[in-house]
């Protein structure tokens, strides 16, 4: 049986991050985006569970309020609730593309609020 390759949702994200040489890896049936040894985003568009579709932002609780001032549609992931540092830019939001482009700009500028070091990069220190 031929293996079907999953289409990466919201490919415009990869186009925006192209100059940072983003790496894509499968994660939770989604696509994780890594830049400079940090996971920065997860791209999710599942048909059977649409609540958290959109772009997940790797951040920490300490940065939620400052990011929310700049991204009013950003919210907690319903699957994780408020206990997680991860945040979601919902695909259903009216400003989805604009918000995602803004996050991509922050990533390219190296904004410290975005991204989580991977275990592999921590071990290499």
PDB file of N, CA and C in Angstrom:
ATOM      1  N   UNK A   1       0.835  -1.171   0.000  1.00  0.00           N
ATOM      2  CA  UNK A   1       0.000   0.000   0.000  1.00  0.00           C
ATOM      3  C   UNK A   1       0.888   1.246   0.000  1.00  0.00           C
ATOM      4  N   UNK A   2       0.529   2.201  -0.842  1.00  0.00           N
ATOM      5  CA  UNK A   2       1.312   3.428  -0.952  1.00  0.00           C
ATOM      6  C   UNK A   2       1.029   4.348   0.233  1.00  0.00           C
ATOM      7  N   UNK A   3       2.076   4.849   0.840  1.00  0.00           N
ATOM      8  CA  UNK A   3       1.935   5.747   1.980  1.00  0.00           C
ATOM      9  C   UNK A   3       1.556   7.137   1.462  1.00  0.00           C
ATOM     10  N   UNK A   4       0.503   7.691   2.031  1.00  0.00           N
ATOM     11  CA  UNK A   4       0.042   9.008   1.623  1.00  0.00           C
ATOM     12  C   UNK A   4       0.787  10.057   2.439  1.00  0.00           C
ATOM     13  N   UNK A   5       1.423  10.977   1.737  1.00  0.00           N
ATOM     14  CA  UNK A   5       2.138  12.047   2.413  1.00  0.00           C
ATOM     15  C   UNK A   5       1.148  13.134   2.826  1.00  0.00           C
ATOM     16  N   UNK A   6       1.192  13.516   4.093  1.00  0.00           N
ATOM     17  CA  UNK A   6       0.285  14.540   4.587  1.00  0.00           C
ATOM     18  C   UNK A   6       0.680  15.902   4.032  1.00  0.00           C
ATOM     19  N   UNK A   7      -0.322  16.653   3.649  1.00  0.00           N
ATOM     20  CA  UNK A   7      -0.102  18.010   3.180  1.00  0.00           C
ATOM     21  C   UNK A   7       0.152  18.906   4.389  1.00  0.00           C
ATOM     22  N   UNK A   8       1.139  19.754   4.283  1.00  0.00           N
ATOM     23  CA  UNK A   8       1.444  20.674   5.375  1.00  0.00           C
ATOM     24  C   UNK A   8       0.447  21.833   5.292  1.00  0.00           C
ATOM     25  N   UNK A   9      -0.344  22.025   6.349  1.00  0.00           N
ATOM     26  CA  UNK A   9      -1.307  23.127   6.318  1.00  0.00           C
ATOM     27  C   UNK A   9      -0.616  24.480   6.495  1.00  0.00           C
ATOM     28  N   UNK A  10      -1.255  25.499   6.012  1.00  0.00           N
ATOM     29  CA  UNK A  10      -0.773  26.873   6.188  1.00  0.00           C
ATOM     30  C   UNK A  10       0.675  27.033   5.709  1.00  0.00           C
ATOM     31  N   UNK A  11       0.924  26.552   4.490  1.00  0.00           N
ATOM     32  CA  UNK A  11       2.289  26.588   3.945  1.00  0.00           C
ATOM     33  C   UNK A  11       2.863  27.988   3.837  1.00  0.00           C
ATOM     34  N   UNK A  12       2.003  28.998   3.849  1.00  0.00           N
ATOM     35  CA  UNK A  12       2.507  30.370   3.782  1.00  0.00           C
ATOM     36  C   UNK A  12       3.429  30.673   4.968  1.00  0.00           C
ATOM     37  N   UNK A  13       3.275  29.930   6.061  1.00  0.00           N
ATOM     38  CA  UNK A  13       4.154  30.095   7.224  1.00  0.00           C
ATOM     39  C   UNK A  13       5.592  29.755   6.830  1.00  0.00           C
ATOM     40  N   UNK A  14       5.747  28.649   6.116  1.00  0.00           N
ATOM     41  CA  UNK A  14       7.086  28.226   5.697  1.00  0.00           C
ATOM     42  C   UNK A  14       7.692  29.216   4.711  1.00  0.00           C
ATOM     43  N   UNK A  15       6.863  29.778   3.849  1.00  0.00           N
ATOM     44  CA  UNK A  15       7.344  30.792   2.916  1.00  0.00           C
ATOM     45  C   UNK A  15       7.857  32.011   3.683  1.00  0.00           C
ATOM     46  N   UNK A  16       7.127  32.413   4.723  1.00  0.00           N
ATOM     47  CA  UNK A  16       7.529  33.576   5.519  1.00  0.00           C
ATOM     48  C   UNK A  16       8.821  33.325   6.287  1.00  0.00           C
ATOM     49  N   UNK A  17       9.021  32.088   6.726  1.00  0.00           N
ATOM     50  CA  UNK A  17      10.208  31.752   7.525  1.00  0.00           C
ATOM     51  C   UNK A  17      11.361  31.215   6.689  1.00  0.00           C
ATOM     52  N   UNK A  18      11.216  31.227   5.385  1.00  0.00           N
ATOM     53  CA  UNK A  18      12.194  30.619   4.479  1.00  0.00           C
ATOM     54  C   UNK A  18      13.630  31.068   4.774  1.00  0.00           C
ATOM     55  N   UNK A  19      13.834  32.353   5.014  1.00  0.00           N
ATOM     56  CA  UNK A  19      15.200  32.862   5.226  1.00  0.00           C
ATOM     57  C   UNK A  19      15.843  32.318   6.501  1.00  0.00           C
ATOM     58  N   UNK A  20      15.033  31.791   7.410  1.00  0.00           N
ATOM     59  CA  UNK A  20      15.550  31.217   8.660  1.00  0.00           C
ATOM     60  C   UNK A  20      15.755  29.708   8.552  1.00  0.00           C
ATOM     61  N   UNK A  21      15.572  29.164   7.338  1.00  0.00           N
ATOM     62  CA  UNK A  21      15.759  27.733   7.081  1.00  0.00           C
ATOM     63  C   UNK A  21      14.973  26.856   8.067  1.00  0.00           C
ATOM     64  N   UNK A  22      13.647  26.989   8.075  1.00  0.00           N
ATOM     65  CA  UNK A  22      12.849  26.201   9.024  1.00  0.00           C
ATOM     66  C   UNK A  22      12.916  24.707   8.733  1.00  0.00           C
ATOM     67  N   UNK A  23      12.890  23.922   9.786  1.00  0.00           N
ATOM     68  CA  UNK A  23      12.858  22.468   9.678  1.00  0.00           C
ATOM     69  C   UNK A  23      11.466  22.009  10.079  1.00  0.00           C
ATOM     70  N   UNK A  24      10.902  21.047   9.353  1.00  0.00           N
ATOM     71  CA  UNK A  24       9.557  20.548   9.623  1.00  0.00           C
ATOM     72  C   UNK A  24       9.655  19.099  10.072  1.00  0.00           C
ATOM     73  N   UNK A  25       8.971  18.786  11.168  1.00  0.00           N
ATOM     74  CA  UNK A  25       8.941  17.403  11.665  1.00  0.00           C
ATOM     75  C   UNK A  25       7.516  17.055  12.078  1.00  0.00           C
ATOM     76  N   UNK A  26       7.105  15.806  11.851  1.00  0.00           N
ATOM     77  CA  UNK A  26       5.764  15.408  12.298  1.00  0.00           C
ATOM     78  C   UNK A  26       5.697  15.376  13.825  1.00  0.00           C
ATOM     79  N   UNK A  27       4.554  15.809  14.359  1.00  0.00           N
ATOM     80  CA  UNK A  27       4.351  15.790  15.807  1.00  0.00           C
ATOM     81  C   UNK A  27       2.846  15.798  16.085  1.00  0.00           C
ATOM     82  N   UNK A  28       2.365  14.839  16.845  1.00  0.00           N
ATOM     83  CA  UNK A  28       0.948  14.751  17.236  1.00  0.00           C
ATOM     84  C   UNK A  28       0.020  14.752  16.024  1.00  0.00           C
ATOM     85  N   UNK A  29       0.452  14.200  14.903  1.00  0.00           N
ATOM     86  CA  UNK A  29      -0.373  14.223  13.695  1.00  0.00           C
ATOM     87  C   UNK A  29      -0.419  15.605  13.063  1.00  0.00           C
ATOM     88  N   UNK A  30       0.493  16.471  13.470  1.00  0.00           N
ATOM     89  CA  UNK A  30       0.586  17.839  12.958  1.00  0.00           C
ATOM     90  C   UNK A  30       1.992  18.035  12.394  1.00  0.00           C
ATOM     91  N   UNK A  31       2.371  19.275  12.163  1.00  0.00           N
ATOM     92  CA  UNK A  31       3.705  19.580  11.652  1.00  0.00           C
ATOM     93  C   UNK A  31       4.376  20.611  12.552  1.00  0.00           C
ATOM     94  N   UNK A  32       5.452  20.208  13.197  1.00  0.00           N
ATOM     95  CA  UNK A  32       6.208  21.104  14.063  1.00  0.00           C
ATOM     96  C   UNK A  32       7.232  21.857  13.230  1.00  0.00           C
ATOM     97  N   UNK A  33       7.399  23.137  13.536  1.00  0.00           N
ATOM     98  CA  UNK A  33       8.339  23.999  12.823  1.00  0.00           C
ATOM     99  C   UNK A  33       9.449  24.388  13.793  1.00  0.00           C
ATOM    100  N   UNK A  34      10.678  24.125  13.379  1.00  0.00           N
ATOM    101  CA  UNK A  34      11.861  24.430  14.186  1.00  0.00           C
ATOM    102  C   UNK A  34      12.696  25.483  13.480  1.00  0.00           C
ATOM    103  N   UNK A  35      13.190  26.446  14.244  1.00  0.00           N
ATOM    104  CA  UNK A  35      14.097  27.468  13.735  1.00  0.00           C
ATOM    105  C   UNK A  35      15.203  27.637  14.763  1.00  0.00           C
ATOM    106  N   UNK A  36      16.434  27.578  14.326  1.00  0.00           N
ATOM    107  CA  UNK A  36      17.612  27.751  15.198  1.00  0.00           C
ATOM    108  C   UNK A  36      17.530  26.892  16.470  1.00  0.00           C
ATOM    109  N   UNK A  37      17.355  25.592  16.296  1.00  0.00           N
ATOM    110  CA  UNK A  37      17.316  24.628  17.409  1.00  0.00           C
ATOM    111  C   UNK A  37      16.179  24.837  18.402  1.00  0.00           C
ATOM    112  N   UNK A  38      15.153  25.568  17.997  1.00  0.00           N
ATOM    113  CA  UNK A  38      13.989  25.760  18.867  1.00  0.00           C
ATOM    114  C   UNK A  38      12.731  25.363  18.106  1.00  0.00           C
ATOM    115  N   UNK A  39      11.812  24.726  18.819  1.00  0.00           N
ATOM    116  CA  UNK A  39      10.494  24.532  18.246  1.00  0.00           C
ATOM    117  C   UNK A  39       9.788  25.871  18.407  1.00  0.00           C
ATOM    118  N   UNK A  40       9.216  26.390  17.331  1.00  0.00           N
ATOM    119  CA  UNK A  40       8.575  27.702  17.391  1.00  0.00           C
ATOM    120  C   UNK A  40       7.066  27.629  17.146  1.00  0.00           C
ATOM    121  N   UNK A  41       6.652  26.718  16.270  1.00  0.00           N
ATOM    122  CA  UNK A  41       5.239  26.624  15.911  1.00  0.00           C
ATOM    123  C   UNK A  41       4.842  25.183  15.646  1.00  0.00           C
ATOM    124  N   UNK A  42       3.552  24.922  15.732  1.00  0.00           N
ATOM    125  CA  UNK A  42       2.983  23.679  15.223  1.00  0.00           C
ATOM    126  C   UNK A  42       1.836  24.085  14.315  1.00  0.00           C
ATOM    127  N   UNK A  43       1.813  23.502  13.119  1.00  0.00           N
ATOM    128  CA  UNK A  43       0.761  23.776  12.151  1.00  0.00           C
ATOM    129  C   UNK A  43      -0.244  22.640  12.225  1.00  0.00           C
ATOM    130  N   UNK A  44      -1.499  22.976  12.519  1.00  0.00           N
ATOM    131  CA  UNK A  44      -2.512  21.942  12.752  1.00  0.00           C
ATOM    132  C   UNK A  44      -3.790  22.257  11.988  1.00  0.00           C
ATOM    133  N   UNK A  45      -4.249  21.264  11.225  1.00  0.00           N
ATOM    134  CA  UNK A  45      -5.523  21.388  10.519  1.00  0.00           C
ATOM    135  C   UNK A  45      -6.137  20.002  10.390  1.00  0.00           C
ATOM    136  N   UNK A  46      -6.776  19.545  11.464  1.00  0.00           N
ATOM    137  CA  UNK A  46      -7.382  18.217  11.496  1.00  0.00           C
ATOM    138  C   UNK A  46      -8.876  18.332  11.206  1.00  0.00           C
ATOM    139  N   UNK A  47      -9.380  17.399  10.417  1.00  0.00           N
ATOM    140  CA  UNK A  47     -10.793  17.419  10.044  1.00  0.00           C
ATOM    141  C   UNK A  47     -11.702  16.939  11.176  1.00  0.00           C
ATOM    142  N   UNK A  48     -11.228  16.001  11.976  1.00  0.00           N
ATOM    143  CA  UNK A  48     -12.091  15.376  12.988  1.00  0.00           C
ATOM    144  C   UNK A  48     -12.153  16.117  14.319  1.00  0.00           C
ATOM    145  N   UNK A  49     -11.237  17.020  14.560  1.00  0.00           N
ATOM    146  CA  UNK A  49     -11.193  17.760  15.818  1.00  0.00           C
ATOM    147  C   UNK A  49     -10.711  19.172  15.503  1.00  0.00           C
ATOM    148  N   UNK A  50     -11.650  20.046  15.173  1.00  0.00           N
ATOM    149  CA  UNK A  50     -11.273  21.344  14.623  1.00  0.00           C
ATOM    150  C   UNK A  50     -11.025  22.441  15.657  1.00  0.00           C
ATOM    151  N   UNK A  51     -11.336  22.186  16.928  1.00  0.00           N
ATOM    152  CA  UNK A  51     -11.225  23.231  17.950  1.00  0.00           C
ATOM    153  C   UNK A  51      -9.864  23.916  18.003  1.00  0.00           C
ATOM    154  N   UNK A  52      -8.802  23.172  17.870  1.00  0.00           N
ATOM    155  CA  UNK A  52      -7.468  23.752  18.001  1.00  0.00           C
ATOM    156  C   UNK A  52      -6.744  23.900  16.664  1.00  0.00           C
ATOM    157  N   UNK A  53      -7.476  23.851  15.559  1.00  0.00           N
ATOM    158  CA  UNK A  53      -6.833  24.065  14.259  1.00  0.00           C
ATOM    159  C   UNK A  53      -6.285  25.480  14.176  1.00  0.00           C
ATOM    160  N   UNK A  54      -5.157  25.591  13.518  1.00  0.00           N
ATOM    161  CA  UNK A  54      -4.500  26.881  13.359  1.00  0.00           C
ATOM    162  C   UNK A  54      -3.016  26.725  13.589  1.00  0.00           C
ATOM    163  N   UNK A  55      -2.415  27.766  14.094  1.00  0.00           N
ATOM    164  CA  UNK A  55      -0.977  27.774  14.353  1.00  0.00           C
ATOM    165  C   UNK A  55      -0.759  27.845  15.860  1.00  0.00           C
ATOM    166  N   UNK A  56      -0.074  26.840  16.377  1.00  0.00           N
ATOM    167  CA  UNK A  56       0.252  26.791  17.801  1.00  0.00           C
ATOM    168  C   UNK A  56       1.588  27.504  18.001  1.00  0.00           C
ATOM    169  N   UNK A  57       1.655  28.302  19.028  1.00  0.00           N
ATOM    170  CA  UNK A  57       2.852  29.090  19.322  1.00  0.00           C
ATOM    171  C   UNK A  57       3.555  28.497  20.537  1.00  0.00           C
ATOM    172  N   UNK A  58       4.830  28.192  20.373  1.00  0.00           N
ATOM    173  CA  UNK A  58       5.644  27.707  21.494  1.00  0.00           C
ATOM    174  C   UNK A  58       6.095  28.930  22.292  1.00  0.00           C
ATOM    175  N   UNK A  59       5.550  29.061  23.482  1.00  0.00           N
ATOM    176  CA  UNK A  59       5.889  30.185  24.346  1.00  0.00           C
ATOM    177  C   UNK A  59       5.739  29.726  25.795  1.00  0.00           C
ATOM    178  N   UNK A  60       5.798  30.647  26.714  1.00  0.00           N
ATOM    179  CA  UNK A  60       5.592  30.294  28.125  1.00  0.00           C
ATOM    180  C   UNK A  60       4.527  31.210  28.706  1.00  0.00           C
ATOM    181  N   UNK A  61       3.973  30.797  29.837  1.00  0.00           N
ATOM    182  CA  UNK A  61       2.913  31.579  30.478  1.00  0.00           C
ATOM    183  C   UNK A  61       3.358  33.006  30.773  1.00  0.00           C
ATOM    184  N   UNK A  62       4.624  33.181  31.067  1.00  0.00           N
ATOM    185  CA  UNK A  62       5.138  34.514  31.388  1.00  0.00           C
ATOM    186  C   UNK A  62       4.955  35.505  30.241  1.00  0.00           C
ATOM    187  N   UNK A  63       4.834  34.994  29.029  1.00  0.00           N
ATOM    188  CA  UNK A  63       4.725  35.866  27.851  1.00  0.00           C
ATOM    189  C   UNK A  63       3.306  35.989  27.309  1.00  0.00           C
ATOM    190  N   UNK A  64       2.349  35.286  27.899  1.00  0.00           N
ATOM    191  CA  UNK A  64       0.987  35.289  27.362  1.00  0.00           C
ATOM    192  C   UNK A  64       0.385  36.690  27.298  1.00  0.00           C
ATOM    193  N   UNK A  65       0.471  37.452  28.366  1.00  0.00           N
ATOM    194  CA  UNK A  65      -0.202  38.754  28.378  1.00  0.00           C
ATOM    195  C   UNK A  65       0.427  39.724  27.380  1.00  0.00           C
ATOM    196  N   UNK A  66       1.749  39.746  27.278  1.00  0.00           N
ATOM    197  CA  UNK A  66       2.376  40.682  26.332  1.00  0.00           C
ATOM    198  C   UNK A  66       2.067  40.279  24.884  1.00  0.00           C
ATOM    199  N   UNK A  67       2.045  38.990  24.616  1.00  0.00           N
ATOM    200  CA  UNK A  67       1.699  38.542  23.263  1.00  0.00           C
ATOM    201  C   UNK A  67       0.225  38.809  22.954  1.00  0.00           C
ATOM    202  N   UNK A  68      -0.632  38.615  23.940  1.00  0.00           N
ATOM    203  CA  UNK A  68      -2.071  38.811  23.714  1.00  0.00           C
ATOM    204  C   UNK A  68      -2.380  40.274  23.389  1.00  0.00           C
ATOM    205  N   UNK A  69      -1.590  41.207  23.921  1.00  0.00           N
ATOM    206  CA  UNK A  69      -1.780  42.631  23.592  1.00  0.00           C
ATOM    207  C   UNK A  69      -1.553  42.865  22.096  1.00  0.00           C
ATOM    208  N   UNK A  70      -0.625  42.124  21.523  1.00  0.00           N
ATOM    209  CA  UNK A  70      -0.301  42.272  20.103  1.00  0.00           C
ATOM    210  C   UNK A  70      -1.128  41.331  19.217  1.00  0.00           C
ATOM    211  N   UNK A  71      -1.657  40.269  19.823  1.00  0.00           N
ATOM    212  CA  UNK A  71      -2.414  39.248  19.087  1.00  0.00           C
ATOM    213  C   UNK A  71      -3.715  38.950  19.824  1.00  0.00           C
ATOM    214  N   UNK A  72      -4.726  39.797  19.664  1.00  0.00           N
ATOM    215  CA  UNK A  72      -5.959  39.642  20.435  1.00  0.00           C
ATOM    216  C   UNK A  72      -6.681  38.308  20.235  1.00  0.00           C
ATOM    217  N   UNK A  73      -6.499  37.663  19.098  1.00  0.00           N
ATOM    218  CA  UNK A  73      -7.207  36.392  18.861  1.00  0.00           C
ATOM    219  C   UNK A  73      -6.477  35.185  19.449  1.00  0.00           C
ATOM    220  N   UNK A  74      -5.257  35.389  19.954  1.00  0.00           N
ATOM    221  CA  UNK A  74      -4.497  34.295  20.552  1.00  0.00           C
ATOM    222  C   UNK A  74      -5.235  33.771  21.783  1.00  0.00           C
ATOM    223  N   UNK A  75      -5.247  32.452  21.937  1.00  0.00           N
ATOM    224  CA  UNK A  75      -5.926  31.843  23.080  1.00  0.00           C
ATOM    225  C   UNK A  75      -5.212  30.565  23.483  1.00  0.00           C
ATOM    226  N   UNK A  76      -5.613  30.037  24.650  1.00  0.00           N
ATOM    227  CA  UNK A  76      -5.067  28.764  25.123  1.00  0.00           C
ATOM    228  C   UNK A  76      -5.549  27.642  24.209  1.00  0.00           C
ATOM    229  N   UNK A  77      -4.769  26.595  24.140  1.00  0.00           N
ATOM    230  CA  UNK A  77      -5.194  25.409  23.392  1.00  0.00           C
ATOM    231  C   UNK A  77      -6.281  24.713  24.185  1.00  0.00           C
ATOM    232  N   UNK A  78      -7.359  24.383  23.551  1.00  0.00           N
ATOM    233  CA  UNK A  78      -8.454  23.712  24.264  1.00  0.00           C
ATOM    234  C   UNK A  78      -8.022  22.325  24.735  1.00  0.00           C
ATOM    235  N   UNK A  79      -7.181  21.669  23.960  1.00  0.00           N
ATOM    236  CA  UNK A  79      -6.739  20.319  24.312  1.00  0.00           C
ATOM    237  C   UNK A  79      -5.864  20.334  25.575  1.00  0.00           C
ATOM    238  N   UNK A  80      -5.099  21.398  25.813  1.00  0.00           N
ATOM    239  CA  UNK A  80      -4.223  21.489  26.984  1.00  0.00           C
ATOM    240  C   UNK A  80      -4.791  22.377  28.081  1.00  0.00           C
ATOM    241  N   UNK A  81      -5.662  23.309  27.736  1.00  0.00           N
ATOM    242  CA  UNK A  81      -6.195  24.247  28.708  1.00  0.00           C
ATOM    243  C   UNK A  81      -5.172  25.289  29.115  1.00  0.00           C
ATOM    244  N   UNK A  82      -5.448  25.979  30.201  1.00  0.00           N
ATOM    245  CA  UNK A  82      -4.580  27.065  30.664  1.00  0.00           C
ATOM    246  C   UNK A  82      -3.293  26.575  31.310  1.00  0.00           C
ATOM    247  N   UNK A  83      -3.161  25.272  31.493  1.00  0.00           N
ATOM    248  CA  UNK A  83      -1.983  24.744  32.181  1.00  0.00           C
ATOM    249  C   UNK A  83      -0.740  24.736  31.297  1.00  0.00           C
ATOM    250  N   UNK A  84      -0.905  24.981  30.010  1.00  0.00           N
ATOM    251  CA  UNK A  84       0.201  24.890  29.069  1.00  0.00           C
ATOM    252  C   UNK A  84       0.725  26.273  28.678  1.00  0.00           C
ATOM    253  N   UNK A  85       1.982  26.320  28.332  1.00  0.00           N
ATOM    254  CA  UNK A  85       2.548  27.545  27.781  1.00  0.00           C
ATOM    255  C   UNK A  85       2.151  27.746  26.332  1.00  0.00           C
ATOM    256  N   UNK A  86       1.821  26.666  25.644  1.00  0.00           N
ATOM    257  CA  UNK A  86       1.431  26.736  24.235  1.00  0.00           C
ATOM    258  C   UNK A  86       0.183  27.589  24.058  1.00  0.00           C
ATOM    259  N   UNK A  87       0.156  28.354  22.986  1.00  0.00           N
ATOM    260  CA  UNK A  87      -0.996  29.179  22.647  1.00  0.00           C
ATOM    261  C   UNK A  87      -1.396  28.906  21.203  1.00  0.00           C
ATOM    262  N   UNK A  88      -2.621  29.287  20.853  1.00  0.00           N
ATOM    263  CA  UNK A  88      -3.160  29.005  19.524  1.00  0.00           C
ATOM    264  C   UNK A  88      -3.608  30.283  18.846  1.00  0.00           C
ATOM    265  N   UNK A  89      -3.245  30.392  17.574  1.00  0.00           N
ATOM    266  CA  UNK A  89      -3.871  31.379  16.699  1.00  0.00           C
ATOM    267  C   UNK A  89      -4.877  30.572  15.901  1.00  0.00           C
ATOM    268  N   UNK A  90      -6.164  30.636  16.261  1.00  0.00           N
ATOM    269  CA  UNK A  90      -7.165  29.774  15.634  1.00  0.00           C
ATOM    270  C   UNK A  90      -7.366  30.102  14.157  1.00  0.00           C
ATOM    271  N   UNK A  91      -7.432  29.055  13.352  1.00  0.00           N
ATOM    272  CA  UNK A  91      -7.640  29.219  11.915  1.00  0.00           C
ATOM    273  C   UNK A  91      -8.959  29.926  11.624  1.00  0.00           C
ATOM    274  N   UNK A  92      -9.901  29.842  12.551  1.00  0.00           N
ATOM    275  CA  UNK A  92     -11.220  30.450  12.357  1.00  0.00           C
ATOM    276  C   UNK A  92     -11.252  31.952  12.684  1.00  0.00           C
ATOM    277  N   UNK A  93     -10.184  32.498  13.244  1.00  0.00           N
ATOM    278  CA  UNK A  93     -10.160  33.915  13.626  1.00  0.00           C
ATOM    279  C   UNK A  93     -10.159  34.804  12.383  1.00  0.00           C
ATOM    280  N   UNK A  94     -10.822  35.933  12.487  1.00  0.00           N
ATOM    281  CA  UNK A  94     -10.884  36.876  11.359  1.00  0.00           C
ATOM    282  C   UNK A  94      -9.508  37.399  10.965  1.00  0.00           C
ATOM    283  N   UNK A  95      -8.607  37.520  11.928  1.00  0.00           N
ATOM    284  CA  UNK A  95      -7.272  38.066  11.655  1.00  0.00           C
ATOM    285  C   UNK A  95      -6.199  36.977  11.584  1.00  0.00           C
ATOM    286  N   UNK A  96      -6.594  35.743  11.272  1.00  0.00           N
ATOM    287  CA  UNK A  96      -5.671  34.610  11.322  1.00  0.00           C
ATOM    288  C   UNK A  96      -4.388  34.861  10.528  1.00  0.00           C
ATOM    289  N   UNK A  97      -4.510  35.151   9.235  1.00  0.00           N
ATOM    290  CA  UNK A  97      -3.298  35.314   8.420  1.00  0.00           C
ATOM    291  C   UNK A  97      -2.446  36.471   8.905  1.00  0.00           C
ATOM    292  N   UNK A  98      -3.069  37.577   9.234  1.00  0.00           N
ATOM    293  CA  UNK A  98      -2.343  38.749   9.728  1.00  0.00           C
ATOM    294  C   UNK A  98      -1.590  38.405  11.015  1.00  0.00           C
ATOM    295  N   UNK A  99      -2.254  37.699  11.925  1.00  0.00           N
ATOM    296  CA  UNK A  99      -1.631  37.313  13.192  1.00  0.00           C
ATOM    297  C   UNK A  99      -0.466  36.351  12.963  1.00  0.00           C
ATOM    298  N   UNK A 100      -0.638  35.405  12.063  1.00  0.00           N
ATOM    299  CA  UNK A 100       0.422  34.438  11.774  1.00  0.00           C
ATOM    300  C   UNK A 100       1.620  35.139  11.134  1.00  0.00           C
ATOM    301  N   UNK A 101       1.373  36.062  10.242  1.00  0.00           N
ATOM    302  CA  UNK A 101       2.476  36.810   9.625  1.00  0.00           C
ATOM    303  C   UNK A 101       3.240  37.603  10.681  1.00  0.00           C
ATOM    304  N   UNK A 102       2.523  38.148  11.653  1.00  0.00           N
ATOM    305  CA  UNK A 102       3.157  38.885  12.743  1.00  0.00           C
ATOM    306  C   UNK A 102       4.048  37.963  13.575  1.00  0.00           C
ATOM    307  N   UNK A 103       3.553  36.782  13.897  1.00  0.00           N
ATOM    308  CA  UNK A 103       4.351  35.803  14.660  1.00  0.00           C
ATOM    309  C   UNK A 103       5.605  35.428  13.867  1.00  0.00           C
ATOM    310  N   UNK A 104       5.459  35.233  12.572  1.00  0.00           N
ATOM    311  CA  UNK A 104       6.622  34.904  11.733  1.00  0.00           C
ATOM    312  C   UNK A 104       7.662  36.024  11.791  1.00  0.00           C
ATOM    313  N   UNK A 105       7.208  37.275  11.782  1.00  0.00           N
ATOM    314  CA  UNK A 105       8.137  38.405  11.906  1.00  0.00           C
ATOM    315  C   UNK A 105       8.877  38.346  13.235  1.00  0.00           C
ATOM    316  N   UNK A 106       8.142  38.047  14.310  1.00  0.00           N
ATOM    317  CA  UNK A 106       8.778  37.943  15.632  1.00  0.00           C
ATOM    318  C   UNK A 106       9.830  36.840  15.642  1.00  0.00           C
ATOM    319  N   UNK A 107       9.518  35.715  15.024  1.00  0.00           N
ATOM    320  CA  UNK A 107      10.466  34.590  14.965  1.00  0.00           C
ATOM    321  C   UNK A 107      11.719  35.008  14.212  1.00  0.00           C
ATOM    322  N   UNK A 108      11.539  35.663  13.067  1.00  0.00           N
ATOM    323  CA  UNK A 108      12.687  36.087  12.263  1.00  0.00           C
ATOM    324  C   UNK A 108      13.560  37.099  13.000  1.00  0.00           C
ATOM    325  N   UNK A 109      12.951  37.909  13.862  1.00  0.00           N
ATOM    326  CA  UNK A 109      13.703  38.896  14.652  1.00  0.00           C
ATOM    327  C   UNK A 109      14.340  38.271  15.890  1.00  0.00           C
ATOM    328  N   UNK A 110      14.035  36.984  16.145  1.00  0.00           N
ATOM    329  CA  UNK A 110      14.601  36.313  17.319  1.00  0.00           C
ATOM    330  C   UNK A 110      13.932  36.712  18.620  1.00  0.00           C
ATOM    331  N   UNK A 111      12.666  37.083  18.564  1.00  0.00           N
ATOM    332  CA  UNK A 111      11.935  37.484  19.772  1.00  0.00           C
ATOM    333  C   UNK A 111      12.028  36.370  20.820  1.00  0.00           C
ATOM    334  N   UNK A 112      12.524  36.691  22.010  1.00  0.00           N
ATOM    335  CA  UNK A 112      12.726  35.660  23.047  1.00  0.00           C
ATOM    336  C   UNK A 112      11.431  35.061  23.591  1.00  0.00           C
ATOM    337  N   UNK A 113      10.283  35.659  23.288  1.00  0.00           N
ATOM    338  CA  UNK A 113       9.010  35.131  23.772  1.00  0.00           C
ATOM    339  C   UNK A 113       8.545  33.918  22.973  1.00  0.00           C
ATOM    340  N   UNK A 114       9.140  33.715  21.806  1.00  0.00           N
ATOM    341  CA  UNK A 114       8.694  32.644  20.917  1.00  0.00           C
ATOM    342  C   UNK A 114       9.771  31.571  20.839  1.00  0.00           C
ATOM    343  N   UNK A 115       9.370  30.325  21.060  1.00  0.00           N
ATOM    344  CA  UNK A 115      10.272  29.197  20.898  1.00  0.00           C
ATOM    345  C   UNK A 115      10.654  28.534  22.202  1.00  0.00           C
ATOM    346  N   UNK A 116      10.846  27.236  22.094  1.00  0.00           N
ATOM    347  CA  UNK A 116      11.299  26.427  23.225  1.00  0.00           C
ATOM    348  C   UNK A 116      12.465  25.589  22.744  1.00  0.00           C
ATOM    349  N   UNK A 117      13.540  25.625  23.501  1.00  0.00           N
ATOM    350  CA  UNK A 117      14.696  24.805  23.134  1.00  0.00           C
ATOM    351  C   UNK A 117      14.329  23.350  23.181  1.00  0.00           C
ATOM    352  N   UNK A 118      14.841  22.604  22.217  1.00  0.00           N
ATOM    353  CA  UNK A 118      14.594  21.171  22.203  1.00  0.00           C
ATOM    354  C   UNK A 118      15.549  20.494  23.162  1.00  0.00           C
ATOM    355  N   UNK A 119      15.192  19.301  23.622  1.00  0.00           N
ATOM    356  CA  UNK A 119      16.049  18.546  24.539  1.00  0.00           C
ATOM    357  C   UNK A 119      17.415  18.303  23.901  1.00  0.00           C
ATOM    358  N   UNK A 120      17.404  18.035  22.602  1.00  0.00           N
ATOM    359  CA  UNK A 120      18.645  17.773  21.892  1.00  0.00           C
ATOM    360  C   UNK A 120      19.580  18.966  21.964  1.00  0.00           C
ATOM    361  N   UNK A 121      19.056  20.184  21.765  1.00  0.00           N
ATOM    362  CA  UNK A 121      19.925  21.365  21.801  1.00  0.00           C
ATOM    363  C   UNK A 121      20.372  21.661  23.230  1.00  0.00           C
ATOM    364  N   UNK A 122      19.563  21.332  24.235  1.00  0.00           N
ATOM    365  CA  UNK A 122      19.964  21.532  25.634  1.00  0.00           C
ATOM    366  C   UNK A 122      21.093  20.582  26.008  1.00  0.00           C
ATOM    367  N   UNK A 123      21.019  19.349  25.489  1.00  0.00           N
ATOM    368  CA  UNK A 123      22.041  18.348  25.807  1.00  0.00           C
ATOM    369  C   UNK A 123      23.387  18.726  25.215  1.00  0.00           C
ATOM    370  N   UNK A 124      23.371  19.429  24.081  1.00  0.00           N
ATOM    371  CA  UNK A 124      24.591  19.805  23.396  1.00  0.00           C
ATOM    372  C   UNK A 124      25.327  20.951  24.052  1.00  0.00           C
ATOM    373  N   UNK A 125      24.756  21.552  25.086  1.00  0.00           N
ATOM    374  CA  UNK A 125      25.399  22.705  25.755  1.00  0.00           C
ATOM    375  C   UNK A 125      26.477  22.253  26.693  1.00  0.00           C
TER     376      UNK A 125
END
